[in-house]
Amino acid sequence: MTWFVPFTAIDGTPFTAAQYNANIRNNMVETEVSRAQTATGYCVTAGMNQLVERVPATSVIGTSDTTASAGTYTDLDNTSGPEVSVATGTMAFVAISCSLSNSSSAAAWMSHAVSGATESEAADSFGAEMQSNVGQKTSSTILRTDLTPGINVFTSKYRVSTSGTGTFAARRITVFPF
C-alpha cells in the first residue's frame, strides 16, 4: 500500500465510508507504527510514500579456527561463517570483527561475501586486517550501496596476505539493512 495526500473536505459535502477508508484508514496503515512488526525492527523508505520494516541481524562464533589460504578469501579449515540472512533494499551497514593473528607476522584478513539476491565475493575493501603474530581484536564497518533488494546472506570469509597460518577467534558479523 502507498500513503497518499488525503482529499480536501468541502463544507456541507457528505463524508462517505469509502472516502474514510481511502483517505484516513489506508493512510494510517502506512505509518511506521503499523509497519513495525518486530521488536528490534525499524522502518525505511522503499519508494515514494512507502515504508518497509527492516530487522538487523548478528551472528557470533566464539571458537578459534585457522586458514593458510594466501590471496583468496575462503571458509576456515573447520568452520564457515558466521553468517546472517536479512531482507535488504539496495543498502546495508555491515560490521565484522574478530581476534586474528598470523603465524608468520604477515597480514590476516576477515571480510564478507554476499549471496542470495546479490552475488558479491569477499574483498579487502570490505574487510578488516591485522598484521601480527599475537591475537588482536580488529573490526570494520562499511555501508554497502551495491545490493539487490531481497533476501541477502552475508557470510564472513578469511585469508592471509602472503604466508603463514591465520588464526581467527571471536568472529562476529552484524548487518543493519536499509
Protein backbone atom coordinates (compact mmCIF):
# COMPACT_ATOMS: atom_id res chain seq x y z
CA MET A 1 0.00 0.00 0.00
CA THR A 2 1.14 3.59 -0.58
CA TRP A 3 0.39 6.66 1.53
CA PHE A 4 -1.19 9.47 -0.45
CA VAL A 5 -2.33 13.00 0.24
CA PRO A 6 -5.94 12.92 1.54
CA PHE A 7 -8.70 14.71 -0.31
CA THR A 8 -9.74 18.23 0.72
CA ALA A 9 -13.07 18.24 2.54
CA ILE A 10 -15.70 20.67 1.34
CA ASP A 11 -18.16 22.12 3.85
CA GLY A 12 -21.58 20.56 3.56
CA THR A 13 -20.39 17.61 1.44
CA PRO A 14 -21.12 14.15 2.90
CA PHE A 15 -18.09 12.14 4.10
CA THR A 16 -18.64 8.55 2.93
CA ALA A 17 -17.26 5.30 4.31
CA ALA A 18 -15.32 4.78 1.08
CA GLN A 19 -13.69 8.22 1.46
CA TYR A 20 -12.85 7.46 5.10
CA ASN A 21 -11.29 4.10 4.19
CA ALA A 22 -9.27 5.50 1.28
CA ASN A 23 -8.16 8.76 2.92
CA ILE A 24 -7.90 8.01 6.65
CA ARG A 25 -7.72 4.26 7.33
CA ASN A 26 -5.40 3.33 4.45
CA ASN A 27 -3.01 6.18 5.26
CA MET A 28 -2.90 5.15 8.94
CA VAL A 29 -1.95 1.62 7.89
CA GLU A 30 1.03 3.10 6.04
CA THR A 31 2.60 4.68 9.16
CA GLU A 32 5.79 3.45 10.82
CA VAL A 33 3.87 2.23 13.86
CA SER A 34 1.67 -0.03 11.74
CA ARG A 35 4.61 -1.32 9.67
CA ALA A 36 6.69 -2.29 12.74
CA GLN A 37 6.08 -5.98 13.32
CA THR A 38 9.31 -6.94 15.10
CA ALA A 39 10.53 -5.58 18.44
CA THR A 40 14.00 -4.81 17.03
CA GLY A 41 12.81 -3.68 13.61
CA TYR A 42 12.85 -0.19 12.14
CA CYS A 43 11.28 1.36 9.07
CA VAL A 44 12.95 2.72 5.96
CA THR A 45 11.52 4.20 2.80
CA ALA A 46 11.06 1.76 -0.06
CA GLY A 47 9.82 4.32 -2.53
CA MET A 48 7.79 7.48 -2.72
CA ASN A 49 5.47 7.47 0.32
CA GLN A 50 6.20 3.80 1.11
CA LEU A 51 7.66 2.28 4.28
CA VAL A 52 9.05 -1.21 4.87
CA GLU A 53 10.34 -2.79 8.05
CA ARG A 54 13.96 -3.91 8.27
CA VAL A 55 15.37 -6.10 11.03
CA PRO A 56 19.09 -6.13 11.90
CA ALA A 57 20.83 -9.46 12.44
CA THR A 58 24.02 -10.59 14.13
CA SER A 59 25.87 -13.89 14.41
CA VAL A 60 28.86 -14.87 16.54
CA ILE A 61 31.21 -17.85 16.51
CA GLY A 62 33.40 -17.89 19.58
CA THR A 63 35.63 -20.83 18.68
CA SER A 64 39.04 -20.35 17.11
CA ASP A 65 39.84 -21.67 13.63
CA THR A 66 42.60 -21.29 11.03
CA THR A 67 43.38 -20.89 7.33
CA ALA A 68 46.55 -20.78 5.26
CA SER A 69 44.74 -19.56 2.12
CA ALA A 70 47.00 -16.85 0.71
CA GLY A 71 45.43 -14.23 -1.51
CA THR A 72 41.99 -15.85 -1.87
CA TYR A 73 39.10 -15.50 0.57
CA THR A 74 37.70 -18.79 1.79
CA ASP A 75 35.98 -20.50 4.71
CA LEU A 76 38.18 -21.51 7.61
CA ASP A 77 39.62 -25.03 7.85
CA ASN A 78 36.90 -26.44 10.15
CA THR A 79 34.05 -23.90 10.21
CA SER A 80 32.36 -21.39 7.98
CA GLY A 81 30.80 -18.07 8.85
CA PRO A 82 29.39 -16.56 10.87
CA GLU A 83 26.59 -15.56 8.52
CA VAL A 84 23.26 -13.75 8.67
CA SER A 85 20.30 -13.69 6.31
CA VAL A 86 18.35 -10.43 6.10
CA ALA A 87 15.86 -8.65 3.86
CA THR A 88 17.55 -5.57 2.40
CA GLY A 89 16.90 -2.79 -0.01
CA THR A 90 19.85 -1.50 -2.02
CA MET A 91 21.95 -0.67 1.08
CA ALA A 92 23.12 -2.11 4.41
CA PHE A 93 25.69 -1.35 7.09
CA VAL A 94 27.89 -4.45 7.54
CA ALA A 95 30.10 -4.70 10.64
CA ILE A 96 32.62 -7.51 11.12
CA SER A 97 35.02 -8.16 13.96
CA CYS A 98 37.34 -10.87 15.26
CA SER A 99 40.54 -11.56 17.10
CA LEU A 100 43.09 -12.53 14.50
CA SER A 101 46.77 -13.29 14.08
CA ASN A 102 49.19 -14.78 11.54
CA SER A 103 51.93 -17.23 12.49
CA SER A 104 54.40 -15.51 10.13
CA SER A 105 53.54 -11.94 11.21
CA ALA A 106 52.12 -11.33 7.71
CA ALA A 107 48.64 -9.86 7.45
CA ALA A 108 45.46 -11.82 8.12
CA TRP A 109 42.12 -10.62 6.78
CA MET A 110 38.43 -11.12 7.58
CA SER A 111 35.88 -9.90 5.02
CA HIS A 112 32.39 -10.92 3.88
CA ALA A 113 30.68 -12.26 0.78
CA VAL A 114 27.03 -11.76 -0.17
CA SER A 115 24.75 -14.36 -1.75
CA GLY A 116 21.03 -14.59 -2.43
CA ALA A 117 19.52 -11.60 -4.20
CA THR A 118 23.05 -10.16 -4.54
CA GLU A 119 26.17 -12.09 -5.58
CA SER A 120 29.36 -10.44 -4.31
CA GLU A 121 32.71 -12.03 -3.47
CA ALA A 122 34.66 -11.11 -0.35
CA ALA A 123 37.16 -8.31 -0.94
CA ASP A 124 39.78 -6.38 1.00
CA SER A 125 37.71 -3.21 0.60
CA PHE A 126 35.01 -4.83 2.79
CA GLY A 127 37.48 -6.33 5.25
CA ALA A 128 39.44 -5.93 8.45
CA GLU A 129 43.18 -6.60 8.54
CA MET A 130 45.78 -7.15 11.24
CA GLN A 131 49.49 -7.80 10.81
CA SER A 132 50.65 -9.55 13.97
CA ASN A 133 51.61 -12.96 15.32
CA VAL A 134 49.74 -12.15 18.54
CA GLY A 135 45.92 -12.30 18.51
CA GLN A 136 44.43 -8.81 18.39
CA LYS A 137 40.84 -7.64 18.03
CA THR A 138 40.03 -5.76 14.84
CA SER A 139 36.84 -4.67 13.10
CA SER A 140 35.46 -2.97 10.03
CA THR A 141 32.14 -1.31 9.26
CA ILE A 142 31.11 -0.47 5.72
CA LEU A 143 27.99 0.90 4.05
CA ARG A 144 27.22 -1.42 1.14
CA THR A 145 25.38 0.51 -1.58
CA ASP A 146 25.52 -2.19 -4.26
CA LEU A 147 22.87 -4.63 -3.04
CA THR A 148 19.94 -6.06 -4.96
CA PRO A 149 16.74 -5.77 -2.89
CA GLY A 150 15.56 -9.07 -1.43
CA ILE A 151 16.91 -11.72 0.93
CA ASN A 152 20.68 -11.40 1.13
CA VAL A 153 23.03 -13.72 3.03
CA PHE A 154 26.20 -12.12 4.43
CA THR A 155 28.95 -14.68 5.17
CA SER A 156 32.34 -14.00 6.75
CA LYS A 157 35.37 -15.12 4.71
CA TYR A 158 39.10 -15.23 5.57
CA ARG A 159 42.58 -15.12 4.07
CA VAL A 160 46.25 -14.45 4.83
CA SER A 161 48.18 -11.98 2.70
CA THR A 162 51.30 -13.89 1.64
CA SER A 163 52.31 -16.64 4.05
CA GLY A 164 51.68 -18.23 7.40
CA THR A 165 48.56 -19.56 9.06
CA GLY A 166 45.87 -17.13 10.10
CA THR A 167 44.04 -17.81 13.36
CA PHE A 168 40.60 -16.23 13.85
CA ALA A 169 38.55 -16.22 17.09
CA ALA A 170 35.51 -14.39 18.50
CA ARG A 171 34.14 -13.86 14.98
CA ARG A 172 31.10 -11.61 14.57
CA ILE A 173 29.06 -10.20 11.69
CA THR A 174 26.22 -7.72 12.13
CA VAL A 175 24.05 -6.28 9.35
CA PHE A 176 21.74 -3.26 9.54
CA PRO A 177 19.71 -3.35 6.31
CA PHE A 178 18.06 -0.38 4.56
